[in-house]
PDB file of all heavy atoms in Angstrom:
ATOM      1  N   PRO A   1      44.490  26.778 -62.298  1.00  0.00           N
ATOM      2  CA  PRO A   1      43.769  27.667 -63.211  1.00  0.00           C
ATOM      3  C   PRO A   1      44.326  27.574 -64.626  1.00  0.00           C
ATOM      4  O   PRO A   1      45.493  27.199 -64.834  1.00  0.00           O
ATOM      5  CB  PRO A   1      44.013  29.048 -62.609  1.00  0.00           C
ATOM      6  CG  PRO A   1      45.322  28.916 -61.899  1.00  0.00           C
ATOM      7  CD  PRO A   1      45.364  27.515 -61.367  1.00  0.00           C
ATOM      8  N   LEU A   2      43.498  27.924 -65.597  1.00  0.00           N
ATOM      9  CA  LEU A   2      43.980  27.991 -66.979  1.00  0.00           C
ATOM     10  C   LEU A   2      44.966  29.152 -67.133  1.00  0.00           C
ATOM     11  O   LEU A   2      46.037  29.000 -67.728  1.00  0.00           O
ATOM     12  CB  LEU A   2      42.801  28.178 -67.931  1.00  0.00           C
ATOM     13  CG  LEU A   2      43.159  28.393 -69.407  1.00  0.00           C
ATOM     14  CD1 LEU A   2      43.771  27.133 -69.981  1.00  0.00           C
ATOM     15  CD2 LEU A   2      41.935  28.803 -70.211  1.00  0.00           C
ATOM     16  N   LEU A   3      44.606  30.313 -66.586  1.00  0.00           N
ATOM     17  CA  LEU A   3      45.465  31.500 -66.649  1.00  0.00           C
ATOM     18  C   LEU A   3      45.742  31.988 -65.247  1.00  0.00           C
ATOM     19  O   LEU A   3      44.820  32.107 -64.429  1.00  0.00           O
ATOM     20  CB  LEU A   3      44.780  32.604 -67.457  1.00  0.00           C
ATOM     21  CG  LEU A   3      45.476  33.970 -67.480  1.00  0.00           C
ATOM     22  CD1 LEU A   3      46.786  33.898 -68.239  1.00  0.00           C
ATOM     23  CD2 LEU A   3      44.567  35.047 -68.081  1.00  0.00           C
ATOM     24  N   GLU A   4      46.989  32.267 -64.965  1.00  0.00           N
ATOM     25  CA  GLU A   4      47.376  32.799 -63.657  1.00  0.00           C
ATOM     26  C   GLU A   4      48.349  33.954 -63.864  1.00  0.00           C
ATOM     27  O   GLU A   4      49.365  33.805 -64.551  1.00  0.00           O
ATOM     28  CB  GLU A   4      48.020  31.711 -62.805  1.00  0.00           C
ATOM     29  CG  GLU A   4      48.229  32.104 -61.359  1.00  0.00           C
ATOM     30  CD  GLU A   4      48.668  30.937 -60.492  1.00  0.00           C
ATOM     31  OE1 GLU A   4      49.083  29.904 -61.051  1.00  0.00           O
ATOM     32  OE2 GLU A   4      48.603  31.055 -59.258  1.00  0.00           O
ATOM     33  N   VAL A   5      48.008  35.096 -63.295  1.00  0.00           N
ATOM     34  CA  VAL A   5      48.846  36.290 -63.359  1.00  0.00           C
ATOM     35  C   VAL A   5      49.327  36.591 -61.947  1.00  0.00           C
ATOM     36  O   VAL A   5      48.517  36.714 -61.022  1.00  0.00           O
ATOM     37  CB  VAL A   5      48.058  37.479 -63.939  1.00  0.00           C
ATOM     38  CG1 VAL A   5      48.855  38.766 -63.828  1.00  0.00           C
ATOM     39  CG2 VAL A   5      47.679  37.203 -65.387  1.00  0.00           C
ATOM     40  N   ILE A   6      50.646  36.691 -61.781  1.00  0.00           N
ATOM     41  CA  ILE A   6      51.243  36.779 -60.451  1.00  0.00           C
ATOM     42  C   ILE A   6      52.088  38.041 -60.341  1.00  0.00           C
ATOM     43  O   ILE A   6      53.071  38.207 -61.080  1.00  0.00           O
ATOM     44  CB  ILE A   6      52.124  35.544 -60.164  1.00  0.00           C
ATOM     45  CG1 ILE A   6      51.304  34.255 -60.330  1.00  0.00           C
ATOM     46  CG2 ILE A   6      52.720  35.611 -58.762  1.00  0.00           C
ATOM     47  CD1 ILE A   6      52.152  32.995 -60.332  1.00  0.00           C
ATOM     48  N   ASP A   7      51.680  38.949 -59.432  1.00  0.00           N
ATOM     49  CA  ASP A   7      52.446  40.153 -59.084  1.00  0.00           C
ATOM     50  C   ASP A   7      52.947  40.889 -60.326  1.00  0.00           C
ATOM     51  O   ASP A   7      54.115  41.252 -60.432  1.00  0.00           O
ATOM     52  CB  ASP A   7      53.610  39.776 -58.172  1.00  0.00           C
ATOM     53  CG  ASP A   7      54.154  40.987 -57.422  1.00  0.00           C
ATOM     54  OD1 ASP A   7      53.421  41.984 -57.283  1.00  0.00           O
ATOM     55  OD2 ASP A   7      55.320  40.945 -56.992  1.00  0.00           O
ATOM     56  N   LEU A   8      52.032  41.138 -61.255  1.00  0.00           N
ATOM     57  CA  LEU A   8      52.392  41.709 -62.550  1.00  0.00           C
ATOM     58  C   LEU A   8      52.574  43.218 -62.452  1.00  0.00           C
ATOM     59  O   LEU A   8      51.727  43.924 -61.897  1.00  0.00           O
ATOM     60  CB  LEU A   8      51.304  41.383 -63.567  1.00  0.00           C
ATOM     61  CG  LEU A   8      51.626  41.654 -65.040  1.00  0.00           C
ATOM     62  CD1 LEU A   8      52.711  40.705 -65.522  1.00  0.00           C
ATOM     63  CD2 LEU A   8      50.367  41.493 -65.884  1.00  0.00           C
ATOM     64  N   SER A   9      53.670  43.706 -63.016  1.00  0.00           N
ATOM     65  CA  SER A   9      53.935  45.147 -63.056  1.00  0.00           C
ATOM     66  C   SER A   9      54.510  45.513 -64.412  1.00  0.00           C
ATOM     67  O   SER A   9      55.220  44.731 -65.045  1.00  0.00           O
ATOM     68  CB  SER A   9      54.936  45.561 -61.964  1.00  0.00           C
ATOM     69  OG  SER A   9      54.387  45.349 -60.680  1.00  0.00           O
ATOM     70  N   LYS A  10      54.169  46.724 -64.864  1.00  0.00           N
ATOM     71  CA  LYS A  10      54.731  47.255 -66.096  1.00  0.00           C
ATOM     72  C   LYS A  10      54.949  48.746 -65.938  1.00  0.00           C
ATOM     73  O   LYS A  10      54.022  49.502 -65.618  1.00  0.00           O
ATOM     74  CB  LYS A  10      53.795  46.992 -67.286  1.00  0.00           C
ATOM     75  CG  LYS A  10      54.310  47.556 -68.606  1.00  0.00           C
ATOM     76  CD  LYS A  10      55.638  46.926 -69.026  1.00  0.00           C
ATOM     77  CE  LYS A  10      56.140  47.497 -70.354  1.00  0.00           C
ATOM     78  NZ  LYS A  10      57.448  46.895 -70.741  1.00  0.00           N
ATOM     79  N   THR A  11      56.191  49.169 -66.153  1.00  0.00           N
ATOM     80  CA  THR A  11      56.567  50.574 -66.058  1.00  0.00           C
ATOM     81  C   THR A  11      57.046  51.057 -67.420  1.00  0.00           C
ATOM     82  O   THR A  11      57.875  50.397 -68.059  1.00  0.00           O
ATOM     83  CB  THR A  11      57.683  50.763 -65.013  1.00  0.00           C
ATOM     84  OG1 THR A  11      57.215  50.299 -63.738  1.00  0.00           O
ATOM     85  CG2 THR A  11      58.061  52.226 -64.894  1.00  0.00           C
ATOM     86  N   PHE A  12      56.513  52.174 -67.866  1.00  0.00           N
ATOM     87  CA  PHE A  12      56.940  52.783 -69.115  1.00  0.00           C
ATOM     88  C   PHE A  12      57.773  54.022 -68.808  1.00  0.00           C
ATOM     89  O   PHE A  12      57.416  54.816 -67.936  1.00  0.00           O
ATOM     90  CB  PHE A  12      55.732  53.193 -69.963  1.00  0.00           C
ATOM     91  CG  PHE A  12      54.950  52.037 -70.503  1.00  0.00           C
ATOM     92  CD1 PHE A  12      53.767  51.649 -69.886  1.00  0.00           C
ATOM     93  CD2 PHE A  12      55.394  51.327 -71.606  1.00  0.00           C
ATOM     94  CE1 PHE A  12      53.025  50.582 -70.378  1.00  0.00           C
ATOM     95  CE2 PHE A  12      54.664  50.262 -72.110  1.00  0.00           C
ATOM     96  CZ  PHE A  12      53.481  49.890 -71.492  1.00  0.00           C
ATOM     97  N   ARG A  13      58.853  54.181 -69.552  1.00  0.00           N
ATOM     98  CA  ARG A  13      59.674  55.385 -69.426  1.00  0.00           C
ATOM     99  C   ARG A  13      59.150  56.429 -70.398  1.00  0.00           C
ATOM    100  O   ARG A  13      58.988  56.165 -71.589  1.00  0.00           O
ATOM    101  CB  ARG A  13      61.139  55.056 -69.697  1.00  0.00           C
ATOM    102  CG  ARG A  13      61.710  54.006 -68.756  1.00  0.00           C
ATOM    103  CD  ARG A  13      63.198  53.876 -68.908  1.00  0.00           C
ATOM    104  NE  ARG A  13      63.882  55.041 -68.383  1.00  0.00           N
ATOM    105  CZ  ARG A  13      65.211  55.210 -68.477  1.00  0.00           C
ATOM    106  NH1 ARG A  13      65.963  54.315 -69.095  1.00  0.00           N
ATOM    107  NH2 ARG A  13      65.768  56.306 -67.982  1.00  0.00           N
ATOM    108  N   LEU A  14      58.877  57.612 -69.887  1.00  0.00           N
ATOM    109  CA  LEU A  14      58.287  58.691 -70.677  1.00  0.00           C
ATOM    110  C   LEU A  14      59.386  59.596 -71.247  1.00  0.00           C
ATOM    111  O   LEU A  14      60.536  59.563 -70.779  1.00  0.00           O
ATOM    112  CB  LEU A  14      57.338  59.501 -69.799  1.00  0.00           C
ATOM    113  CG  LEU A  14      56.221  58.696 -69.111  1.00  0.00           C
ATOM    114  CD1 LEU A  14      55.395  59.618 -68.231  1.00  0.00           C
ATOM    115  CD2 LEU A  14      55.347  57.996 -70.128  1.00  0.00           C
ATOM    116  N   PRO A  15      59.055  60.393 -72.240  1.00  0.00           N
ATOM    117  CA  PRO A  15      60.049  61.349 -72.771  1.00  0.00           C
ATOM    118  C   PRO A  15      60.491  62.337 -71.694  1.00  0.00           C
ATOM    119  O   PRO A  15      59.734  62.682 -70.782  1.00  0.00           O
ATOM    120  CB  PRO A  15      59.290  62.062 -73.896  1.00  0.00           C
ATOM    121  CG  PRO A  15      58.189  61.126 -74.273  1.00  0.00           C
ATOM    122  CD  PRO A  15      57.804  60.417 -73.005  1.00  0.00           C
ATOM    123  N   ARG A  16      61.725  62.786 -71.821  1.00  0.00           N
ATOM    124  CA  ARG A  16      62.258  63.753 -70.852  1.00  0.00           C
ATOM    125  C   ARG A  16      61.494  65.072 -70.939  1.00  0.00           C
ATOM    126  O   ARG A  16      61.177  65.560 -72.014  1.00  0.00           O
ATOM    127  CB  ARG A  16      63.737  64.019 -71.123  1.00  0.00           C
ATOM    128  CG  ARG A  16      64.665  62.927 -70.603  1.00  0.00           C
ATOM    129  CD  ARG A  16      66.118  63.397 -70.673  1.00  0.00           C
ATOM    130  NE  ARG A  16      67.007  62.410 -70.092  1.00  0.00           N
ATOM    131  CZ  ARG A  16      67.560  61.421 -70.776  1.00  0.00           C
ATOM    132  NH1 ARG A  16      67.316  61.303 -72.064  1.00  0.00           N
ATOM    133  NH2 ARG A  16      68.364  60.562 -70.180  1.00  0.00           N
ATOM    134  N   THR A  17      61.210  65.614 -69.782  1.00  0.00           N
ATOM    135  CA  THR A  17      60.598  66.943 -69.716  1.00  0.00           C
ATOM    136  C   THR A  17      61.658  68.025 -69.500  1.00  0.00           C
ATOM    137  O   THR A  17      61.379  69.205 -69.648  1.00  0.00           O
ATOM    138  CB  THR A  17      59.579  67.003 -68.572  1.00  0.00           C
ATOM    139  OG1 THR A  17      60.216  66.626 -67.336  1.00  0.00           O
ATOM    140  CG2 THR A  17      58.421  66.042 -68.845  1.00  0.00           C
ATOM    141  N   ARG A  18      62.884  67.583 -69.119  1.00  0.00           N
ATOM    142  CA  ARG A  18      64.006  68.509 -68.936  1.00  0.00           C
ATOM    143  C   ARG A  18      65.213  67.983 -69.692  1.00  0.00           C
ATOM    144  O   ARG A  18      65.309  66.785 -69.976  1.00  0.00           O
ATOM    145  CB  ARG A  18      64.348  68.662 -67.448  1.00  0.00           C
ATOM    146  CG  ARG A  18      63.241  69.323 -66.625  1.00  0.00           C
ATOM    147  CD  ARG A  18      63.629  69.434 -65.171  1.00  0.00           C
ATOM    148  NE  ARG A  18      63.786  68.111 -64.577  1.00  0.00           N
ATOM    149  CZ  ARG A  18      64.180  67.899 -63.323  1.00  0.00           C
ATOM    150  NH1 ARG A  18      64.500  68.924 -62.560  1.00  0.00           N
ATOM    151  NH2 ARG A  18      64.269  66.677 -62.844  1.00  0.00           N
ATOM    152  N   LEU A  19      66.142  68.856 -70.014  1.00  0.00           N
ATOM    153  CA  LEU A  19      67.309  68.460 -70.789  1.00  0.00           C
ATOM    154  C   LEU A  19      68.161  67.457 -70.035  1.00  0.00           C
ATOM    155  O   LEU A  19      68.682  66.494 -70.621  1.00  0.00           O
ATOM    156  CB  LEU A  19      68.130  69.701 -71.153  1.00  0.00           C
ATOM    157  CG  LEU A  19      69.358  69.467 -72.051  1.00  0.00           C
ATOM    158  CD1 LEU A  19      68.928  68.854 -73.374  1.00  0.00           C
ATOM    159  CD2 LEU A  19      70.111  70.775 -72.270  1.00  0.00           C
ATOM    160  N   PHE A  20      68.307  67.655 -68.730  1.00  0.00           N
ATOM    161  CA  PHE A  20      69.133  66.765 -67.922  1.00  0.00           C
ATOM    162  C   PHE A  20      68.265  66.055 -66.886  1.00  0.00           C
ATOM    163  O   PHE A  20      67.146  66.467 -66.598  1.00  0.00           O
ATOM    164  CB  PHE A  20      70.252  67.546 -67.224  1.00  0.00           C
ATOM    165  CG  PHE A  20      71.181  68.252 -68.197  1.00  0.00           C
ATOM    166  CD1 PHE A  20      71.061  69.618 -68.410  1.00  0.00           C
ATOM    167  CD2 PHE A  20      72.136  67.531 -68.891  1.00  0.00           C
ATOM    168  CE1 PHE A  20      71.900  70.268 -69.296  1.00  0.00           C
ATOM    169  CE2 PHE A  20      72.982  68.181 -69.784  1.00  0.00           C
ATOM    170  CZ  PHE A  20      72.861  69.539 -69.993  1.00  0.00           C
ATOM    171  N   GLY A  21      68.789  65.008 -66.332  1.00  0.00           N
ATOM    172  CA  GLY A  21      68.069  64.266 -65.307  1.00  0.00           C
ATOM    173  C   GLY A  21      67.434  63.001 -65.874  1.00  0.00           C
ATOM    174  O   GLY A  21      67.388  62.788 -67.082  1.00  0.00           O
ATOM    175  N   PRO A  22      66.962  62.143 -64.989  1.00  0.00           N
ATOM    176  CA  PRO A  22      66.388  60.874 -65.439  1.00  0.00           C
ATOM    177  C   PRO A  22      65.058  61.070 -66.161  1.00  0.00           C
ATOM    178  O   PRO A  22      64.352  62.051 -65.936  1.00  0.00           O
ATOM    179  CB  PRO A  22      66.193  60.102 -64.129  1.00  0.00           C
ATOM    180  CG  PRO A  22      66.031  61.169 -63.087  1.00  0.00           C
ATOM    181  CD  PRO A  22      66.920  62.294 -63.527  1.00  0.00           C
ATOM    182  N   ARG A  23      64.713  60.124 -67.022  1.00  0.00           N
ATOM    183  CA  ARG A  23      63.426  60.161 -67.705  1.00  0.00           C
ATOM    184  C   ARG A  23      62.332  59.765 -66.718  1.00  0.00           C
ATOM    185  O   ARG A  23      62.498  58.829 -65.928  1.00  0.00           O
ATOM    186  CB  ARG A  23      63.430  59.202 -68.886  1.00  0.00           C
ATOM    187  CG  ARG A  23      64.322  59.657 -70.022  1.00  0.00           C
ATOM    188  CD  ARG A  23      64.479  58.584 -71.083  1.00  0.00           C
ATOM    189  NE  ARG A  23      63.198  58.223 -71.675  1.00  0.00           N
ATOM    190  CZ  ARG A  23      63.075  57.269 -72.594  1.00  0.00           C
ATOM    191  NH1 ARG A  23      64.136  56.598 -73.013  1.00  0.00           N
ATOM    192  NH2 ARG A  23      61.893  56.990 -73.099  1.00  0.00           N
ATOM    193  N   PRO A  24      61.201  60.458 -66.717  1.00  0.00           N
ATOM    194  CA  PRO A  24      60.112  60.082 -65.802  1.00  0.00           C
ATOM    195  C   PRO A  24      59.527  58.724 -66.175  1.00  0.00           C
ATOM    196  O   PRO A  24      59.640  58.271 -67.323  1.00  0.00           O
ATOM    197  CB  PRO A  24      59.091  61.206 -65.987  1.00  0.00           C
ATOM    198  CG  PRO A  24      59.381  61.762 -67.339  1.00  0.00           C
ATOM    199  CD  PRO A  24      60.856  61.616 -67.552  1.00  0.00           C
ATOM    200  N   GLU A  25      58.920  58.073 -65.206  1.00  0.00           N
ATOM    201  CA  GLU A  25      58.333  56.757 -65.418  1.00  0.00           C
ATOM    202  C   GLU A  25      56.857  56.773 -65.078  1.00  0.00           C
ATOM    203  O   GLU A  25      56.402  57.563 -64.250  1.00  0.00           O
ATOM    204  CB  GLU A  25      59.043  55.701 -64.558  1.00  0.00           C
ATOM    205  CG  GLU A  25      60.500  55.480 -64.921  1.00  0.00           C
ATOM    206  CD  GLU A  25      61.129  54.396 -64.074  1.00  0.00           C
ATOM    207  OE1 GLU A  25      60.574  54.098 -62.988  1.00  0.00           O
ATOM    208  OE2 GLU A  25      62.172  53.855 -64.476  1.00  0.00           O
ATOM    209  N   ARG A  26      56.116  55.877 -65.731  1.00  0.00           N
ATOM    210  CA  ARG A  26      54.700  55.708 -65.434  1.00  0.00           C
ATOM    211  C   ARG A  26      54.440  54.247 -65.130  1.00  0.00           C
ATOM    212  O   ARG A  26      54.771  53.371 -65.925  1.00  0.00           O
ATOM    213  CB  ARG A  26      53.837  56.162 -66.614  1.00  0.00           C
ATOM    214  CG  ARG A  26      52.363  55.830 -66.432  1.00  0.00           C
ATOM    215  CD  ARG A  26      51.528  56.401 -67.543  1.00  0.00           C
ATOM    216  NE  ARG A  26      50.149  55.951 -67.449  1.00  0.00           N
ATOM    217  CZ  ARG A  26      49.185  56.347 -68.257  1.00  0.00           C
ATOM    218  NH1 ARG A  26      49.442  57.206 -69.219  1.00  0.00           N
ATOM    219  NH2 ARG A  26      47.959  55.899 -68.115  1.00  0.00           N
ATOM    220  N   HIS A  27      53.842  53.995 -63.967  1.00  0.00           N
ATOM    221  CA  HIS A  27      53.513  52.626 -63.567  1.00  0.00           C
ATOM    222  C   HIS A  27      52.129  52.281 -64.126  1.00  0.00           C
ATOM    223  O   HIS A  27      51.105  52.561 -63.506  1.00  0.00           O
ATOM    224  CB  HIS A  27      53.533  52.489 -62.046  1.00  0.00           C
ATOM    225  CG  HIS A  27      54.872  52.803 -61.437  1.00  0.00           C
ATOM    226  ND1 HIS A  27      55.920  51.908 -61.451  1.00  0.00           N
ATOM    227  CD2 HIS A  27      55.336  53.920 -60.837  1.00  0.00           C
ATOM    228  CE1 HIS A  27      56.980  52.452 -60.872  1.00  0.00           C
ATOM    229  NE2 HIS A  27      56.650  53.674 -60.487  1.00  0.00           N
ATOM    230  N   ALA A  28      52.113  51.679 -65.310  1.00  0.00           N
ATOM    231  CA  ALA A  28      50.834  51.354 -65.949  1.00  0.00           C
ATOM    232  C   ALA A  28      50.130  50.208 -65.235  1.00  0.00           C
ATOM    233  O   ALA A  28      48.902  50.183 -65.144  1.00  0.00           O
ATOM    234  CB  ALA A  28      51.060  50.992 -67.414  1.00  0.00           C
ATOM    235  N   VAL A  29      50.893  49.242 -64.745  1.00  0.00           N
ATOM    236  CA  VAL A  29      50.356  48.112 -63.981  1.00  0.00           C
ATOM    237  C   VAL A  29      51.247  47.944 -62.764  1.00  0.00           C
ATOM    238  O   VAL A  29      52.482  47.940 -62.881  1.00  0.00           O
ATOM    239  CB  VAL A  29      50.331  46.804 -64.816  1.00  0.00           C
ATOM    240  CG1 VAL A  29      49.754  45.656 -64.006  1.00  0.00           C
ATOM    241  CG2 VAL A  29      49.543  47.001 -66.106  1.00  0.00           C
ATOM    242  N   ASP A  30      50.633  47.781 -61.592  1.00  0.00           N
ATOM    243  CA  ASP A  30      51.401  47.812 -60.344  1.00  0.00           C
ATOM    244  C   ASP A  30      50.967  46.681 -59.412  1.00  0.00           C
ATOM    245  O   ASP A  30      50.032  46.816 -58.636  1.00  0.00           O
ATOM    246  CB  ASP A  30      51.197  49.172 -59.660  1.00  0.00           C
ATOM    247  CG  ASP A  30      52.117  49.376 -58.468  1.00  0.00           C
ATOM    248  OD1 ASP A  30      52.977  48.514 -58.213  1.00  0.00           O
ATOM    249  OD2 ASP A  30      51.974  50.406 -57.780  1.00  0.00           O
ATOM    250  N   GLY A  31      51.625  45.531 -59.529  1.00  0.00           N
ATOM    251  CA  GLY A  31      51.412  44.429 -58.592  1.00  0.00           C
ATOM    252  C   GLY A  31      50.050  43.773 -58.693  1.00  0.00           C
ATOM    253  O   GLY A  31      49.362  43.590 -57.679  1.00  0.00           O
ATOM    254  N   VAL A  32      49.644  43.366 -59.892  1.00  0.00           N
ATOM    255  CA  VAL A  32      48.319  42.784 -60.127  1.00  0.00           C
ATOM    256  C   VAL A  32      48.377  41.266 -60.062  1.00  0.00           C
ATOM    257  O   VAL A  32      49.281  40.651 -60.636  1.00  0.00           O
ATOM    258  CB  VAL A  32      47.771  43.252 -61.498  1.00  0.00           C
ATOM    259  CG1 VAL A  32      46.585  42.407 -61.940  1.00  0.00           C
ATOM    260  CG2 VAL A  32      47.382  44.717 -61.429  1.00  0.00           C
ATOM    261  N   ASP A  33      47.412  40.663 -59.369  1.00  0.00           N
ATOM    262  CA  ASP A  33      47.288  39.203 -59.283  1.00  0.00           C
ATOM    263  C   ASP A  33      45.864  38.800 -59.627  1.00  0.00           C
ATOM    264  O   ASP A  33      44.913  39.417 -59.159  1.00  0.00           O
ATOM    265  CB  ASP A  33      47.582  38.695 -57.859  1.00  0.00           C
ATOM    266  CG  ASP A  33      49.013  38.938 -57.420  1.00  0.00           C
ATOM    267  OD1 ASP A  33      49.865  38.090 -57.714  1.00  0.00           O
ATOM    268  OD2 ASP A  33      49.263  39.971 -56.769  1.00  0.00           O
ATOM    269  N   PHE A  34      45.710  37.748 -60.448  1.00  0.00           N
ATOM    270  CA  PHE A  34      44.395  37.134 -60.641  1.00  0.00           C
ATOM    271  C   PHE A  34      44.566  35.778 -61.305  1.00  0.00           C
ATOM    272  O   PHE A  34      45.639  35.444 -61.825  1.00  0.00           O
ATOM    273  CB  PHE A  34      43.454  38.033 -61.460  1.00  0.00           C
ATOM    274  CG  PHE A  34      43.875  38.281 -62.883  1.00  0.00           C
ATOM    275  CD1 PHE A  34      43.422  37.471 -63.920  1.00  0.00           C
ATOM    276  CD2 PHE A  34      44.702  39.357 -63.193  1.00  0.00           C
ATOM    277  CE1 PHE A  34      43.790  37.710 -65.237  1.00  0.00           C
ATOM    278  CE2 PHE A  34      45.078  39.607 -64.507  1.00  0.00           C
ATOM    279  CZ  PHE A  34      44.621  38.782 -65.527  1.00  0.00           C
ATOM    280  N   ARG A  35      43.493  34.993 -61.296  1.00  0.00           N
ATOM    281  CA  ARG A  35      43.486  33.684 -61.943  1.00  0.00           C
ATOM    282  C   ARG A  35      42.140  33.488 -62.626  1.00  0.00           C
ATOM    283  O   ARG A  35      41.121  34.014 -62.184  1.00  0.00           O
ATOM    284  CB  ARG A  35      43.738  32.562 -60.919  1.00  0.00           C
ATOM    285  CG  ARG A  35      42.801  32.588 -59.727  1.00  0.00           C
ATOM    286  CD  ARG A  35      43.118  31.465 -58.748  1.00  0.00           C
ATOM    287  NE  ARG A  35      42.603  30.183 -59.243  1.00  0.00           N
ATOM    288  CZ  ARG A  35      43.059  29.010 -58.814  1.00  0.00           C
ATOM    289  NH1 ARG A  35      44.036  28.952 -57.927  1.00  0.00           N
ATOM    290  NH2 ARG A  35      42.547  27.896 -59.280  1.00  0.00           N
ATOM    291  N   VAL A  36      42.163  32.728 -63.718  1.00  0.00           N
ATOM    292  CA  VAL A  36      40.946  32.441 -64.463  1.00  0.00           C
ATOM    293  C   VAL A  36      40.887  30.932 -64.685  1.00  0.00           C
ATOM    294  O   VAL A  36      41.797  30.358 -65.290  1.00  0.00           O
ATOM    295  CB  VAL A  36      40.906  33.165 -65.827  1.00  0.00           C
ATOM    296  CG1 VAL A  36      39.533  32.991 -66.467  1.00  0.00           C
ATOM    297  CG2 VAL A  36      41.246  34.644 -65.683  1.00  0.00           C
ATOM    298  N   ASP A  37      39.830  30.306 -64.193  1.00  0.00           N
ATOM    299  CA  ASP A  37      39.660  28.868 -64.379  1.00  0.00           C
ATOM    300  C   ASP A  37      39.099  28.571 -65.760  1.00  0.00           C
ATOM    301  O   ASP A  37      38.431  29.413 -66.377  1.00  0.00           O
ATOM    302  CB  ASP A  37      38.728  28.301 -63.299  1.00  0.00           C
ATOM    303  CG  ASP A  37      39.333  28.391 -61.910  1.00  0.00           C
ATOM    304  OD1 ASP A  37      40.566  28.267 -61.795  1.00  0.00           O
ATOM    305  OD2 ASP A  37      38.580  28.606 -60.939  1.00  0.00           O
ATOM    306  N   ALA A  38      39.344  27.368 -66.249  1.00  0.00           N
ATOM    307  CA  ALA A  38      38.881  26.969 -67.578  1.00  0.00           C
ATOM    308  C   ALA A  38      37.359  27.051 -67.658  1.00  0.00           C
ATOM    309  O   ALA A  38      36.651  26.656 -66.728  1.00  0.00           O
ATOM    310  CB  ALA A  38      39.354  25.553 -67.895  1.00  0.00           C
ATOM    311  N   GLY A  39      36.854  27.587 -68.774  1.00  0.00           N
ATOM    312  CA  GLY A  39      35.422  27.704 -68.989  1.00  0.00           C
ATOM    313  C   GLY A  39      34.765  28.860 -68.276  1.00  0.00           C
ATOM    314  O   GLY A  39      33.541  29.005 -68.337  1.00  0.00           O
ATOM    315  N   ARG A  40      35.547  29.711 -67.626  1.00  0.00           N
ATOM    316  CA  ARG A  40      35.008  30.853 -66.895  1.00  0.00           C
ATOM    317  C   ARG A  40      35.385  32.153 -67.615  1.00  0.00           C
ATOM    318  O   ARG A  40      36.173  32.160 -68.554  1.00  0.00           O
ATOM    319  CB  ARG A  40      35.559  30.884 -65.458  1.00  0.00           C
ATOM    320  CG  ARG A  40      35.346  29.606 -64.684  1.00  0.00           C
ATOM    321  CD  ARG A  40      33.933  29.469 -64.175  1.00  0.00           C
ATOM    322  NE  ARG A  40      33.707  30.366 -63.054  1.00  0.00           N
ATOM    323  CZ  ARG A  40      32.532  30.493 -62.432  1.00  0.00           C
ATOM    324  NH1 ARG A  40      31.479  29.799 -62.861  1.00  0.00           N
ATOM    325  NH2 ARG A  40      32.387  31.309 -61.415  1.00  0.00           N
ATOM    326  N   SER A  41      34.825  33.257 -67.141  1.00  0.00           N
ATOM    327  CA  SER A  41      35.109  34.569 -67.729  1.00  0.00           C
ATOM    328  C   SER A  41      35.515  35.531 -66.624  1.00  0.00           C
ATOM    329  O   SER A  41      34.844  35.622 -65.594  1.00  0.00           O
ATOM    330  CB  SER A  41      33.881  35.119 -68.461  1.00  0.00           C
ATOM    331  OG  SER A  41      33.524  34.303 -69.538  1.00  0.00           O
ATOM    332  N   PHE A  42      36.603  36.249 -66.865  1.00  0.00           N
ATOM    333  CA  PHE A  42      37.123  37.225 -65.911  1.00  0.00           C
ATOM    334  C   PHE A  42      37.159  38.575 -66.606  1.00  0.00           C
ATOM    335  O   PHE A  42      37.737  38.714 -67.687  1.00  0.00           O
ATOM    336  CB  PHE A  42      38.526  36.825 -65.451  1.00  0.00           C
ATOM    337  CG  PHE A  42      39.075  37.662 -64.327  1.00  0.00           C
ATOM    338  CD1 PHE A  42      38.839  37.308 -63.002  1.00  0.00           C
ATOM    339  CD2 PHE A  42      39.826  38.798 -64.586  1.00  0.00           C
ATOM    340  CE1 PHE A  42      39.349  38.073 -61.962  1.00  0.00           C
ATOM    341  CE2 PHE A  42      40.331  39.568 -63.556  1.00  0.00           C
ATOM    342  CZ  PHE A  42      40.091  39.201 -62.234  1.00  0.00           C
ATOM    343  N   GLY A  43      36.525  39.580 -66.004  1.00  0.00           N
ATOM    344  CA  GLY A  43      36.466  40.906 -66.596  1.00  0.00           C
ATOM    345  C   GLY A  43      37.289  41.913 -65.818  1.00  0.00           C
ATOM    346  O   GLY A  43      37.308  41.892 -64.584  1.00  0.00           O
ATOM    347  N   ILE A  44      37.986  42.782 -66.539  1.00  0.00           N
ATOM    348  CA  ILE A  44      38.720  43.892 -65.923  1.00  0.00           C
ATOM    349  C   ILE A  44      38.093  45.182 -66.426  1.00  0.00           C
ATOM    350  O   ILE A  44      38.013  45.415 -67.641  1.00  0.00           O
ATOM    351  CB  ILE A  44      40.215  43.848 -66.282  1.00  0.00           C
ATOM    352  CG1 ILE A  44      40.832  42.516 -65.831  1.00  0.00           C
ATOM    353  CG2 ILE A  44      40.953  45.013 -65.636  1.00  0.00           C
ATOM    354  CD1 ILE A  44      42.291  42.355 -66.219  1.00  0.00           C
ATOM    355  N   VAL A  45      37.626  46.010 -65.504  1.00  0.00           N
ATOM    356  CA  VAL A  45      36.905  47.227 -65.877  1.00  0.00           C
ATOM    357  C   VAL A  45      37.569  48.428 -65.212  1.00  0.00           C
ATOM    358  O   VAL A  45      38.108  48.329 -64.098  1.00  0.00           O
ATOM    359  CB  VAL A  45      35.412  47.121 -65.477  1.00  0.00           C
ATOM    360  CG1 VAL A  45      35.256  47.052 -63.974  1.00  0.00           C
ATOM    361  CG2 VAL A  45      34.594  48.272 -66.036  1.00  0.00           C
ATOM    362  N   GLY A  46      37.550  49.551 -65.904  1.00  0.00           N
ATOM    363  CA  GLY A  46      38.129  50.778 -65.371  1.00  0.00           C
ATOM    364  C   GLY A  46      38.127  51.838 -66.449  1.00  0.00           C
ATOM    365  O   GLY A  46      37.860  51.565 -67.623  1.00  0.00           O
TER     366      GLY A  46
END
């Protein structure tokens, strides 16, 4: 394929909601896989 995305994940750390303790996290992308062949179109909708 021209483009290949393999097991992609992205986690963002959010601001603390409490004075102590770990910062909360948000999993914006969680284990995404896809491929796009040359001359084709791949759409992501949501």
